[in-house]
Amino acid sequence: MKIYVNAEKKRTEIWLTRAESVDFNVRESLKPVFKKYKEMKYLVVVFMSGSYDLAKQTALLFKNNLIRNAAG
C-alpha cells in the first residue's frame, strides 16, 4: 500500500495491490485514514490493482468517452 497526500490539491491517493484490495483487514485499516482526511475536507481516492488487461480496458474507456462526447 502506498499513500500520497497532495496538500495543495487537498487530495489523498491510496494505492493498493491486488492482494491488499481483497484483504478485509487492509480495507478496515483504511477507515481511520478516510475519517482523518474527510475531516480535513480532502478528496480521498483509492486505486486498486485489477485482474483485467490494462491496455484493452483503457481502449474501451477511450472508445466509451468518444461515443459519449459525440452524443453531446
Protein backbone atom coordinates (compact mmCIF):
# COMPACT_ATOMS: atom_id res chain seq x y z
CA MET A 1 0.00 0.00 0.00
CA LYS A 2 1.17 3.48 -0.83
CA ILE A 3 -0.44 6.69 0.34
CA TYR A 4 0.26 10.01 -1.35
CA VAL A 5 -1.03 13.26 0.10
CA ASN A 6 -1.24 16.39 -2.04
CA ALA A 7 -1.91 19.28 0.34
CA GLU A 8 -2.05 21.81 -2.49
CA LYS A 9 -4.90 19.97 -4.23
CA LYS A 10 -6.38 18.63 -0.96
CA ARG A 11 -6.28 15.10 -2.31
CA THR A 12 -5.13 11.80 -0.82
CA GLU A 13 -4.39 8.86 -3.10
CA ILE A 14 -4.26 5.33 -1.72
CA TRP A 15 -2.77 2.68 -3.99
CA LEU A 16 -3.50 -0.98 -3.19
CA THR A 17 -2.07 -4.13 -4.72
CA ARG A 18 -4.47 -6.81 -5.89
CA ALA A 19 -3.89 -8.80 -2.69
CA GLU A 20 -4.43 -5.75 -0.48
CA SER A 21 -7.61 -4.76 -2.28
CA VAL A 22 -9.32 -8.04 -1.33
CA ASP A 23 -7.91 -8.21 2.21
CA PHE A 24 -10.60 -7.34 4.76
CA ASN A 25 -8.07 -6.22 7.38
CA VAL A 26 -6.37 -3.83 4.97
CA ARG A 27 -9.68 -2.31 3.96
CA GLU A 28 -10.72 -1.92 7.60
CA SER A 29 -7.39 -0.26 8.40
CA LEU A 30 -8.23 2.47 5.88
CA LYS A 31 -11.31 3.67 7.76
CA PRO A 32 -9.31 5.97 10.09
CA VAL A 33 -7.47 7.37 7.06
CA PHE A 34 -10.77 8.16 5.34
CA LYS A 35 -12.09 9.79 8.51
CA LYS A 36 -8.96 11.89 9.04
CA TYR A 37 -8.88 13.30 5.53
CA LYS A 38 -12.65 13.74 5.29
CA GLU A 39 -12.46 15.97 8.37
CA MET A 40 -9.73 17.95 6.58
CA LYS A 41 -12.04 18.24 3.53
CA TYR A 42 -9.66 16.25 1.33
CA LEU A 43 -10.77 14.08 -1.55
CA VAL A 44 -9.67 10.50 -0.85
CA VAL A 45 -9.15 8.32 -3.89
CA VAL A 46 -8.41 4.59 -3.73
CA PHE A 47 -6.76 2.86 -6.66
CA MET A 48 -6.96 -0.94 -6.66
CA SER A 49 -4.95 -3.19 -8.89
CA GLY A 50 -7.21 -5.29 -11.05
CA SER A 51 -7.06 -8.52 -12.96
CA TYR A 52 -8.06 -7.25 -16.39
CA ASP A 53 -5.82 -6.36 -19.31
CA LEU A 54 -4.90 -2.71 -18.80
CA ALA A 55 -4.43 -1.85 -22.49
CA LYS A 56 -7.75 -3.41 -23.51
CA GLN A 57 -9.68 -1.76 -20.69
CA THR A 58 -8.10 1.64 -21.42
CA ALA A 59 -9.02 1.34 -25.08
CA LEU A 60 -12.63 0.54 -24.11
CA LEU A 61 -12.68 3.55 -21.79
CA PHE A 62 -11.45 5.85 -24.57
CA LYS A 63 -14.00 4.41 -27.00
CA ASN A 64 -16.81 4.93 -24.49
CA ASN A 65 -15.72 8.53 -23.85
CA LEU A 66 -15.59 9.27 -27.58
CA ILE A 67 -19.12 7.91 -28.04
CA ARG A 68 -20.43 9.91 -25.05
CA ASN A 69 -18.76 13.13 -26.25
CA ALA A 70 -20.04 12.65 -29.80
CA ALA A 71 -23.60 12.25 -28.47
CA GLY A 72 -23.08 15.52 -26.74
